Amino acid sequence: MITRLTLVNFKAFRRLELPLGPLTLLTGLNSSGKSSVLQALALLRQSIDNGGQGLLLNGELVELGSARDVLHDDFGLADELADVGGPAVGFLVDAGESFQFVGLYDPEEPDEDVMQMRVRGGTLPFVSAPFQYLHADRITPAVTYPRSRQVAIDRGFLGVRGEHTVNFLRH
């Protein structure tokens, strides 16, 4: 279980240290960062599922734009992200042991949608656990829904908008 998530220079957060429990509720006004916390976890998951070849900003779970879009406007160097030598986005995860994921920002390629990633601490335990992420923009009620055995049944994935839920429940 993840017990603490720290975001550094990610979107609206120059630094956010968030303790997590077996049940954690994120509440707050619009634009207070609730979705950004969930997007950080989804971003890590989709990047690792993609082979860990980089911080994959646009994928199946989240579409965050470019490196310039995820780097905090007033980014600063953080002690935890030592040895990066420049602007970076950091994710520190405590889950029994500590893990660090750092996306390196290249000022000469600010529009890239894959950031070079450095990982310390190995692979997160939650990578092998089932993972669902639903966007805030859900699908509307419909007469028909997509049917994909591979997505809904074999992978047990509901889709980021919940589009495979009916097929999942049907089986």
N, C-alpha and C. Protein backbone atom coordinates (compact mmCIF):
# COMPACT_ATOMS: atom_id res chain seq x y z
N MET A 1 0.84 -1.18 0.00
CA MET A 1 0.00 0.00 0.00
C MET A 1 0.89 1.25 0.00
N ILE A 2 0.50 2.21 -0.76
CA ILE A 2 1.23 3.48 -0.79
C ILE A 2 0.83 4.28 0.45
N THR A 3 1.81 4.69 1.24
CA THR A 3 1.53 5.43 2.47
C THR A 3 1.80 6.93 2.36
N ARG A 4 2.60 7.31 1.36
CA ARG A 4 2.90 8.72 1.16
C ARG A 4 3.25 8.95 -0.30
N LEU A 5 2.71 10.04 -0.84
CA LEU A 5 3.03 10.45 -2.20
C LEU A 5 3.51 11.89 -2.14
N THR A 6 4.67 12.13 -2.70
CA THR A 6 5.21 13.49 -2.76
C THR A 6 5.37 13.87 -4.22
N LEU A 7 4.79 14.99 -4.58
CA LEU A 7 4.91 15.51 -5.94
C LEU A 7 5.81 16.73 -5.90
N VAL A 8 6.76 16.80 -6.81
CA VAL A 8 7.69 17.92 -6.86
C VAL A 8 7.65 18.50 -8.28
N ASN A 9 7.34 19.79 -8.36
CA ASN A 9 7.30 20.52 -9.64
C ASN A 9 6.31 19.93 -10.63
N PHE A 10 5.24 19.33 -10.14
CA PHE A 10 4.25 18.69 -11.01
C PHE A 10 2.98 19.53 -11.08
N LYS A 11 2.72 20.03 -12.27
CA LYS A 11 1.52 20.81 -12.56
C LYS A 11 1.39 21.98 -11.57
N ALA A 12 0.33 22.01 -10.77
CA ALA A 12 0.10 23.14 -9.87
C ALA A 12 0.93 23.07 -8.59
N PHE A 13 1.63 21.97 -8.39
CA PHE A 13 2.35 21.76 -7.13
C PHE A 13 3.85 21.94 -7.29
N ARG A 14 4.37 22.93 -6.58
CA ARG A 14 5.84 23.01 -6.49
C ARG A 14 6.31 21.88 -5.59
N ARG A 15 5.54 21.63 -4.54
CA ARG A 15 5.79 20.50 -3.65
C ARG A 15 4.50 20.17 -2.91
N LEU A 16 4.13 18.92 -2.97
CA LEU A 16 2.98 18.42 -2.22
C LEU A 16 3.39 17.12 -1.56
N GLU A 17 3.22 17.05 -0.26
CA GLU A 17 3.49 15.83 0.48
C GLU A 17 2.15 15.34 1.02
N LEU A 18 1.70 14.19 0.52
CA LEU A 18 0.36 13.71 0.83
C LEU A 18 0.42 12.34 1.52
N PRO A 19 0.07 12.29 2.82
CA PRO A 19 -0.01 10.98 3.47
C PRO A 19 -1.26 10.25 2.97
N LEU A 20 -1.13 8.94 2.76
CA LEU A 20 -2.24 8.14 2.26
C LEU A 20 -2.52 7.00 3.23
N GLY A 21 -3.78 6.62 3.33
CA GLY A 21 -4.18 5.51 4.19
C GLY A 21 -4.94 4.47 3.39
N PRO A 22 -5.50 3.47 4.07
CA PRO A 22 -6.28 2.46 3.36
C PRO A 22 -7.45 3.08 2.58
N LEU A 23 -7.98 4.17 3.10
CA LEU A 23 -9.00 4.93 2.39
C LEU A 23 -8.63 6.40 2.52
N THR A 24 -8.38 7.03 1.41
CA THR A 24 -8.02 8.44 1.39
C THR A 24 -9.01 9.18 0.52
N LEU A 25 -9.63 10.21 1.06
CA LEU A 25 -10.57 11.03 0.31
C LEU A 25 -9.89 12.33 -0.08
N LEU A 26 -9.98 12.69 -1.34
CA LEU A 26 -9.45 13.96 -1.82
C LEU A 26 -10.65 14.89 -2.02
N THR A 27 -10.69 15.96 -1.26
CA THR A 27 -11.78 16.92 -1.39
C THR A 27 -11.21 18.31 -1.56
N GLY A 28 -12.00 19.19 -2.09
CA GLY A 28 -11.55 20.57 -2.24
C GLY A 28 -12.29 21.27 -3.35
N LEU A 29 -12.03 22.54 -3.46
CA LEU A 29 -12.64 23.35 -4.49
C LEU A 29 -12.13 22.95 -5.87
N ASN A 30 -12.82 23.40 -6.90
CA ASN A 30 -12.34 23.19 -8.27
C ASN A 30 -10.94 23.78 -8.40
N SER A 31 -10.11 23.13 -9.18
CA SER A 31 -8.73 23.57 -9.46
C SER A 31 -7.85 23.59 -8.22
N SER A 32 -8.14 22.71 -7.25
CA SER A 32 -7.28 22.66 -6.06
C SER A 32 -6.25 21.54 -6.14
N GLY A 33 -6.30 20.71 -7.20
CA GLY A 33 -5.27 19.71 -7.40
C GLY A 33 -5.69 18.27 -7.17
N LYS A 34 -6.95 18.01 -6.91
CA LYS A 34 -7.41 16.63 -6.67
C LYS A 34 -7.10 15.73 -7.86
N SER A 35 -7.47 16.17 -9.04
CA SER A 35 -7.23 15.37 -10.24
C SER A 35 -5.74 15.22 -10.52
N SER A 36 -4.96 16.23 -10.21
CA SER A 36 -3.51 16.16 -10.45
C SER A 36 -2.87 15.05 -9.62
N VAL A 37 -3.35 14.85 -8.39
CA VAL A 37 -2.82 13.77 -7.55
C VAL A 37 -3.12 12.43 -8.20
N LEU A 38 -4.35 12.25 -8.66
CA LEU A 38 -4.72 10.99 -9.32
C LEU A 38 -3.99 10.82 -10.64
N GLN A 39 -3.83 11.92 -11.37
CA GLN A 39 -3.10 11.86 -12.64
C GLN A 39 -1.65 11.45 -12.43
N ALA A 40 -1.05 11.88 -11.32
CA ALA A 40 0.34 11.50 -11.04
C ALA A 40 0.46 9.98 -10.91
N LEU A 41 -0.47 9.37 -10.18
CA LEU A 41 -0.43 7.91 -10.02
C LEU A 41 -0.69 7.21 -11.35
N ALA A 42 -1.66 7.72 -12.12
CA ALA A 42 -1.96 7.13 -13.42
C ALA A 42 -0.78 7.32 -14.38
N LEU A 43 -0.12 8.46 -14.31
CA LEU A 43 1.05 8.73 -15.15
C LEU A 43 2.17 7.73 -14.86
N LEU A 44 2.42 7.48 -13.59
CA LEU A 44 3.44 6.50 -13.23
C LEU A 44 3.05 5.11 -13.75
N ARG A 45 1.80 4.75 -13.56
CA ARG A 45 1.34 3.43 -14.01
C ARG A 45 1.49 3.27 -15.52
N GLN A 46 1.03 4.28 -16.28
CA GLN A 46 1.10 4.12 -17.74
C GLN A 46 2.55 4.16 -18.22
N SER A 47 3.41 4.89 -17.54
CA SER A 47 4.83 4.94 -17.93
C SER A 47 5.51 3.61 -17.66
N ILE A 48 5.23 3.01 -16.53
CA ILE A 48 5.83 1.72 -16.19
C ILE A 48 5.25 0.62 -17.07
N ASP A 49 3.93 0.66 -17.31
CA ASP A 49 3.31 -0.33 -18.20
C ASP A 49 3.88 -0.25 -19.61
N ASN A 50 4.39 0.92 -19.98
CA ASN A 50 4.98 1.13 -21.30
C ASN A 50 6.45 0.69 -21.35
N GLY A 51 6.89 0.02 -20.32
CA GLY A 51 8.26 -0.49 -20.29
C GLY A 51 9.22 0.42 -19.55
N GLY A 52 8.71 1.51 -18.96
CA GLY A 52 9.58 2.41 -18.21
C GLY A 52 10.60 3.13 -19.05
N GLN A 53 10.32 3.27 -20.35
CA GLN A 53 11.26 3.91 -21.27
C GLN A 53 11.27 5.43 -21.13
N GLY A 54 10.39 5.95 -20.34
CA GLY A 54 10.31 7.39 -20.12
C GLY A 54 8.99 7.71 -19.46
N LEU A 55 8.85 8.95 -19.04
CA LEU A 55 7.60 9.40 -18.45
C LEU A 55 6.65 9.70 -19.61
N LEU A 56 5.70 8.80 -19.84
CA LEU A 56 4.79 8.86 -20.98
C LEU A 56 3.61 9.77 -20.63
N LEU A 57 3.66 11.02 -21.09
CA LEU A 57 2.66 12.02 -20.70
C LEU A 57 1.31 11.81 -21.35
N ASN A 58 1.28 11.16 -22.50
CA ASN A 58 0.02 10.92 -23.20
C ASN A 58 -0.09 9.43 -23.51
N GLY A 59 -1.07 8.79 -22.92
CA GLY A 59 -1.23 7.36 -23.11
C GLY A 59 -2.66 6.95 -22.85
N GLU A 60 -2.83 5.68 -22.53
CA GLU A 60 -4.16 5.12 -22.34
C GLU A 60 -4.88 5.70 -21.11
N LEU A 61 -4.14 5.98 -20.05
CA LEU A 61 -4.78 6.44 -18.81
C LEU A 61 -4.94 7.95 -18.73
N VAL A 62 -3.88 8.69 -19.04
CA VAL A 62 -3.95 10.15 -18.97
C VAL A 62 -3.30 10.78 -20.19
N GLU A 63 -3.81 11.94 -20.54
CA GLU A 63 -3.24 12.75 -21.61
C GLU A 63 -2.96 14.12 -21.01
N LEU A 64 -1.69 14.37 -20.72
CA LEU A 64 -1.31 15.58 -19.99
C LEU A 64 -0.65 16.64 -20.86
N GLY A 65 -0.48 16.36 -22.13
CA GLY A 65 0.12 17.36 -23.02
C GLY A 65 1.60 17.16 -23.17
N SER A 66 2.34 18.24 -23.01
CA SER A 66 3.78 18.21 -23.22
C SER A 66 4.53 18.42 -21.91
N ALA A 67 5.84 18.30 -21.97
CA ALA A 67 6.67 18.49 -20.79
C ALA A 67 6.45 19.87 -20.18
N ARG A 68 6.32 20.89 -21.02
CA ARG A 68 6.10 22.24 -20.49
C ARG A 68 4.77 22.34 -19.75
N ASP A 69 3.78 21.49 -20.10
CA ASP A 69 2.48 21.51 -19.45
C ASP A 69 2.51 20.89 -18.04
N VAL A 70 3.41 19.95 -17.80
CA VAL A 70 3.44 19.29 -16.49
C VAL A 70 4.46 19.90 -15.53
N LEU A 71 5.43 20.63 -16.05
CA LEU A 71 6.43 21.27 -15.18
C LEU A 71 5.80 22.49 -14.52
N HIS A 72 5.88 22.55 -13.20
CA HIS A 72 5.33 23.68 -12.44
C HIS A 72 5.93 25.00 -12.94
N ASP A 73 5.09 26.03 -13.08
CA ASP A 73 5.54 27.31 -13.62
C ASP A 73 6.70 27.91 -12.84
N ASP A 74 6.67 27.77 -11.53
CA ASP A 74 7.71 28.33 -10.67
C ASP A 74 8.56 27.18 -10.11
N PHE A 75 8.99 26.30 -11.01
CA PHE A 75 9.72 25.11 -10.56
C PHE A 75 10.98 25.51 -9.81
N GLY A 76 11.33 24.63 -8.90
CA GLY A 76 12.56 24.86 -8.15
C GLY A 76 13.30 23.55 -7.99
N LEU A 77 14.58 23.65 -7.71
CA LEU A 77 15.35 22.44 -7.44
C LEU A 77 14.96 21.94 -6.06
N ALA A 78 14.85 20.65 -5.91
CA ALA A 78 14.46 20.07 -4.63
C ALA A 78 15.56 19.15 -4.16
N ASP A 79 15.76 19.14 -2.86
CA ASP A 79 16.80 18.29 -2.27
C ASP A 79 16.61 16.83 -2.68
N GLU A 80 15.33 16.39 -2.72
CA GLU A 80 15.04 14.99 -3.04
C GLU A 80 15.45 14.64 -4.47
N LEU A 81 15.50 15.65 -5.34
CA LEU A 81 15.80 15.40 -6.74
C LEU A 81 17.23 15.79 -7.09
N ALA A 82 18.12 15.64 -6.12
CA ALA A 82 19.53 15.96 -6.36
C ALA A 82 20.05 15.11 -7.51
N ASP A 83 21.09 15.54 -8.11
CA ASP A 83 21.74 14.84 -9.22
C ASP A 83 21.00 14.94 -10.54
N VAL A 84 19.97 15.80 -10.64
CA VAL A 84 19.29 15.90 -11.92
C VAL A 84 19.89 17.00 -12.77
N GLY A 85 20.49 18.01 -12.16
CA GLY A 85 21.20 19.04 -12.88
C GLY A 85 20.36 19.99 -13.70
N GLY A 86 19.08 20.07 -13.42
CA GLY A 86 18.22 21.00 -14.15
C GLY A 86 16.78 20.81 -13.75
N PRO A 87 15.88 21.43 -14.50
CA PRO A 87 14.46 21.32 -14.17
C PRO A 87 14.00 19.86 -14.27
N ALA A 88 13.13 19.47 -13.34
CA ALA A 88 12.62 18.10 -13.33
C ALA A 88 11.30 18.03 -12.60
N VAL A 89 10.54 17.01 -12.92
CA VAL A 89 9.30 16.68 -12.25
C VAL A 89 9.57 15.43 -11.44
N GLY A 90 9.21 15.43 -10.16
CA GLY A 90 9.52 14.28 -9.32
C GLY A 90 8.32 13.69 -8.64
N PHE A 91 8.36 12.37 -8.48
CA PHE A 91 7.33 11.62 -7.78
C PHE A 91 8.03 10.72 -6.78
N LEU A 92 7.80 10.96 -5.50
CA LEU A 92 8.39 10.14 -4.45
C LEU A 92 7.26 9.34 -3.83
N VAL A 93 7.43 8.04 -3.80
CA VAL A 93 6.38 7.14 -3.35
C VAL A 93 6.92 6.29 -2.21
N ASP A 94 6.21 6.31 -1.08
CA ASP A 94 6.56 5.43 0.03
C ASP A 94 5.52 4.32 0.06
N ALA A 95 5.99 3.09 -0.04
CA ALA A 95 5.11 1.92 0.00
C ALA A 95 5.85 0.79 0.70
N GLY A 96 6.19 1.01 1.96
CA GLY A 96 7.02 0.04 2.67
C GLY A 96 8.48 0.33 2.43
N GLU A 97 8.84 0.71 1.25
CA GLU A 97 10.16 1.21 0.90
C GLU A 97 9.95 2.44 0.02
N SER A 98 11.01 3.16 -0.24
CA SER A 98 10.89 4.41 -1.00
C SER A 98 11.25 4.21 -2.46
N PHE A 99 10.48 4.87 -3.30
CA PHE A 99 10.69 4.84 -4.74
C PHE A 99 10.73 6.28 -5.23
N GLN A 100 11.55 6.53 -6.23
CA GLN A 100 11.66 7.87 -6.78
C GLN A 100 11.62 7.78 -8.31
N PHE A 101 10.73 8.58 -8.88
CA PHE A 101 10.60 8.67 -10.33
C PHE A 101 10.80 10.13 -10.70
N VAL A 102 11.73 10.39 -11.58
CA VAL A 102 12.05 11.76 -11.96
C VAL A 102 11.97 11.88 -13.47
N GLY A 103 11.16 12.84 -13.91
CA GLY A 103 11.08 13.15 -15.33
C GLY A 103 11.96 14.37 -15.60
N LEU A 104 12.96 14.21 -16.44
CA LEU A 104 13.89 15.30 -16.72
C LEU A 104 13.33 16.20 -17.81
N TYR A 105 13.29 17.49 -17.52
CA TYR A 105 12.76 18.47 -18.47
C TYR A 105 13.90 18.97 -19.34
N ASP A 106 13.72 18.89 -20.64
CA ASP A 106 14.73 19.36 -21.58
C ASP A 106 14.25 20.70 -22.14
N PRO A 107 14.86 21.83 -21.74
CA PRO A 107 14.42 23.15 -22.20
C PRO A 107 14.47 23.31 -23.72
N GLU A 108 15.28 22.48 -24.37
CA GLU A 108 15.36 22.56 -25.83
C GLU A 108 14.26 21.75 -26.52
N GLU A 109 13.55 20.93 -25.76
CA GLU A 109 12.45 20.11 -26.29
C GLU A 109 11.24 20.21 -25.36
N PRO A 110 10.71 21.43 -25.12
CA PRO A 110 9.62 21.58 -24.15
C PRO A 110 8.30 20.97 -24.61
N ASP A 111 8.17 20.70 -25.90
CA ASP A 111 6.90 20.17 -26.42
C ASP A 111 6.90 18.65 -26.54
N GLU A 112 7.94 17.99 -26.05
CA GLU A 112 7.98 16.53 -26.09
C GLU A 112 6.91 15.96 -25.15
N ASP A 113 6.37 14.80 -25.52
CA ASP A 113 5.37 14.19 -24.64
C ASP A 113 5.90 12.94 -23.94
N VAL A 114 7.20 12.72 -24.05
CA VAL A 114 7.87 11.68 -23.28
C VAL A 114 9.10 12.34 -22.66
N MET A 115 9.18 12.28 -21.33
CA MET A 115 10.33 12.85 -20.63
C MET A 115 11.27 11.72 -20.22
N GLN A 116 12.57 11.96 -20.37
CA GLN A 116 13.54 10.98 -19.90
C GLN A 116 13.26 10.74 -18.42
N MET A 117 13.25 9.47 -18.00
CA MET A 117 12.88 9.15 -16.62
C MET A 117 14.01 8.43 -15.92
N ARG A 118 14.27 8.85 -14.70
CA ARG A 118 15.21 8.16 -13.81
C ARG A 118 14.40 7.53 -12.69
N VAL A 119 14.71 6.29 -12.39
CA VAL A 119 13.99 5.55 -11.36
C VAL A 119 14.98 5.08 -10.31
N ARG A 120 14.60 5.29 -9.06
CA ARG A 120 15.40 4.77 -7.95
C ARG A 120 14.48 3.95 -7.05
N GLY A 121 14.93 2.77 -6.70
CA GLY A 121 14.16 1.95 -5.76
C GLY A 121 13.45 0.78 -6.41
N GLY A 122 13.59 0.58 -7.70
CA GLY A 122 12.97 -0.58 -8.34
C GLY A 122 11.57 -0.29 -8.83
N THR A 123 10.77 -1.34 -8.91
CA THR A 123 9.41 -1.24 -9.44
C THR A 123 8.41 -1.16 -8.30
N LEU A 124 7.47 -0.29 -8.45
CA LEU A 124 6.44 -0.13 -7.42
C LEU A 124 5.59 -1.38 -7.28
N PRO A 125 5.22 -1.73 -6.05
CA PRO A 125 4.35 -2.89 -5.85
C PRO A 125 2.98 -2.72 -6.54
N PHE A 126 2.48 -1.49 -6.63
CA PHE A 126 1.14 -1.32 -7.20
C PHE A 126 1.10 -1.56 -8.70
N VAL A 127 2.24 -1.72 -9.34
CA VAL A 127 2.26 -1.94 -10.77
C VAL A 127 1.66 -3.30 -11.13
N SER A 128 1.82 -4.29 -10.26
CA SER A 128 1.27 -5.61 -10.56
C SER A 128 -0.17 -5.76 -10.08
N ALA A 129 -0.66 -4.82 -9.28
CA ALA A 129 -2.03 -4.89 -8.77
C ALA A 129 -3.00 -4.32 -9.81
N PRO A 130 -4.26 -4.77 -9.78
CA PRO A 130 -5.25 -4.18 -10.70
C PRO A 130 -5.34 -2.68 -10.47
N PHE A 131 -5.55 -1.94 -11.55
CA PHE A 131 -5.55 -0.48 -11.46
C PHE A 131 -6.65 0.07 -12.35
N GLN A 132 -7.50 0.91 -11.79
CA GLN A 132 -8.55 1.57 -12.55
C GLN A 132 -8.39 3.07 -12.36
N TYR A 133 -8.58 3.80 -13.43
CA TYR A 133 -8.55 5.26 -13.36
C TYR A 133 -9.67 5.77 -14.25
N LEU A 134 -10.60 6.51 -13.66
CA LEU A 134 -11.70 7.09 -14.42
C LEU A 134 -11.50 8.59 -14.53
N HIS A 135 -11.53 9.09 -15.75
CA HIS A 135 -11.45 10.54 -15.98
C HIS A 135 -12.66 11.22 -15.36
N ALA A 136 -12.55 12.49 -15.14
CA ALA A 136 -13.69 13.27 -14.66
C ALA A 136 -14.77 13.37 -15.73
N ASP A 137 -14.39 13.30 -17.00
CA ASP A 137 -15.38 13.37 -18.07
C ASP A 137 -15.81 11.96 -18.44
N ARG A 138 -16.85 11.47 -17.76
CA ARG A 138 -17.37 10.12 -17.97
C ARG A 138 -18.22 10.08 -19.24
N ILE A 139 -18.47 8.87 -19.73
CA ILE A 139 -19.35 8.73 -20.88
C ILE A 139 -20.78 8.96 -20.43
N THR A 140 -21.61 9.38 -21.33
CA THR A 140 -23.02 9.62 -21.02
C THR A 140 -23.80 8.32 -21.20
N PRO A 141 -24.97 8.23 -20.60
CA PRO A 141 -25.79 7.03 -20.81
C PRO A 141 -26.03 6.82 -22.30
N ALA A 142 -26.03 5.55 -22.71
CA ALA A 142 -26.19 5.22 -24.12
C ALA A 142 -26.96 3.92 -24.26
N VAL A 143 -27.43 3.65 -25.47
CA VAL A 143 -28.13 2.41 -25.76
C VAL A 143 -27.13 1.28 -25.96
N THR A 144 -25.99 1.59 -26.58
CA THR A 144 -24.96 0.59 -26.80
C THR A 144 -23.64 1.07 -26.20
N TYR A 145 -22.81 0.10 -25.82
CA TYR A 145 -21.50 0.39 -25.25
C TYR A 145 -20.48 -0.49 -25.96
N PRO A 146 -19.20 -0.09 -25.96
CA PRO A 146 -18.18 -0.91 -26.62
C PRO A 146 -18.09 -2.28 -25.97
N ARG A 147 -17.80 -3.29 -26.79
CA ARG A 147 -17.58 -4.64 -26.27
C ARG A 147 -16.20 -5.09 -26.70
N SER A 148 -15.35 -5.27 -25.74
CA SER A 148 -14.02 -5.77 -26.03
C SER A 148 -13.66 -6.77 -24.96
N ARG A 149 -13.63 -8.03 -25.33
CA ARG A 149 -13.27 -9.08 -24.37
C ARG A 149 -11.86 -8.83 -23.84
N GLN A 150 -10.94 -8.45 -24.72
CA GLN A 150 -9.56 -8.25 -24.32
C GLN A 150 -9.45 -7.16 -23.26
N VAL A 151 -10.15 -6.05 -23.44
CA VAL A 151 -10.06 -4.94 -22.49
C VAL A 151 -10.85 -5.24 -21.22
N ALA A 152 -12.12 -5.58 -21.36
CA ALA A 152 -12.99 -5.72 -20.20
C ALA A 152 -12.76 -6.99 -19.40
N ILE A 153 -12.56 -8.11 -20.08
CA ILE A 153 -12.47 -9.38 -19.38
C ILE A 153 -11.03 -9.81 -19.12
N ASP A 154 -10.24 -9.90 -20.19
CA ASP A 154 -8.86 -10.37 -20.02
C ASP A 154 -8.04 -9.42 -19.17
N ARG A 155 -8.18 -8.10 -19.40
CA ARG A 155 -7.41 -7.12 -18.63
C ARG A 155 -8.17 -6.63 -17.41
N GLY A 156 -9.49 -6.81 -17.36
CA GLY A 156 -10.28 -6.30 -16.24
C GLY A 156 -10.26 -4.80 -16.16
N PHE A 157 -10.16 -4.14 -17.30
CA PHE A 157 -10.04 -2.67 -17.34
C PHE A 157 -11.37 -2.06 -17.74
N LEU A 158 -11.87 -1.12 -16.97
CA LEU A 158 -13.16 -0.50 -17.23
C LEU A 158 -13.11 0.59 -18.28
N GLY A 159 -11.91 1.03 -18.64
CA GLY A 159 -11.76 2.15 -19.56
C GLY A 159 -11.70 3.44 -18.77
N VAL A 160 -10.99 4.43 -19.28
CA VAL A 160 -10.79 5.67 -18.53
C VAL A 160 -12.07 6.50 -18.41
N ARG A 161 -13.06 6.22 -19.23
CA ARG A 161 -14.35 6.90 -19.12
C ARG A 161 -15.44 5.95 -18.66
N GLY A 162 -15.06 4.74 -18.26
CA GLY A 162 -16.03 3.74 -17.80
C GLY A 162 -16.74 3.04 -18.94
N GLU A 163 -16.22 3.18 -20.16
CA GLU A 163 -16.91 2.67 -21.34
C GLU A 163 -17.01 1.15 -21.41
N HIS A 164 -16.19 0.42 -20.68
CA HIS A 164 -16.23 -1.05 -20.72
C HIS A 164 -16.90 -1.64 -19.47
N THR A 165 -17.47 -0.82 -18.63
CA THR A 165 -18.07 -1.29 -17.38
C THR A 165 -19.22 -2.26 -17.62
N VAL A 166 -20.11 -1.94 -18.54
CA VAL A 166 -21.26 -2.80 -18.80
C VAL A 166 -20.78 -4.18 -19.26
N ASN A 167 -19.83 -4.23 -20.16
CA ASN A 167 -19.31 -5.51 -20.63
C ASN A 167 -18.61 -6.26 -19.50
N PHE A 168 -17.88 -5.55 -18.66
CA PHE A 168 -17.19 -6.16 -17.52
C PHE A 168 -18.22 -6.79 -16.57
N LEU A 169 -19.27 -6.02 -16.23
CA LEU A 169 -20.29 -6.52 -15.31
C LEU A 169 -21.08 -7.68 -15.94
N ARG A 170 -21.28 -7.62 -17.23
CA ARG A 170 -22.03 -8.67 -17.94
C ARG A 170 -21.32 -10.02 -17.78
N HIS A 171 -20.01 -10.01 -17.82
CA HIS A 171 -19.26 -11.27 -17.69
C HIS A 171 -19.03 -11.61 -16.24
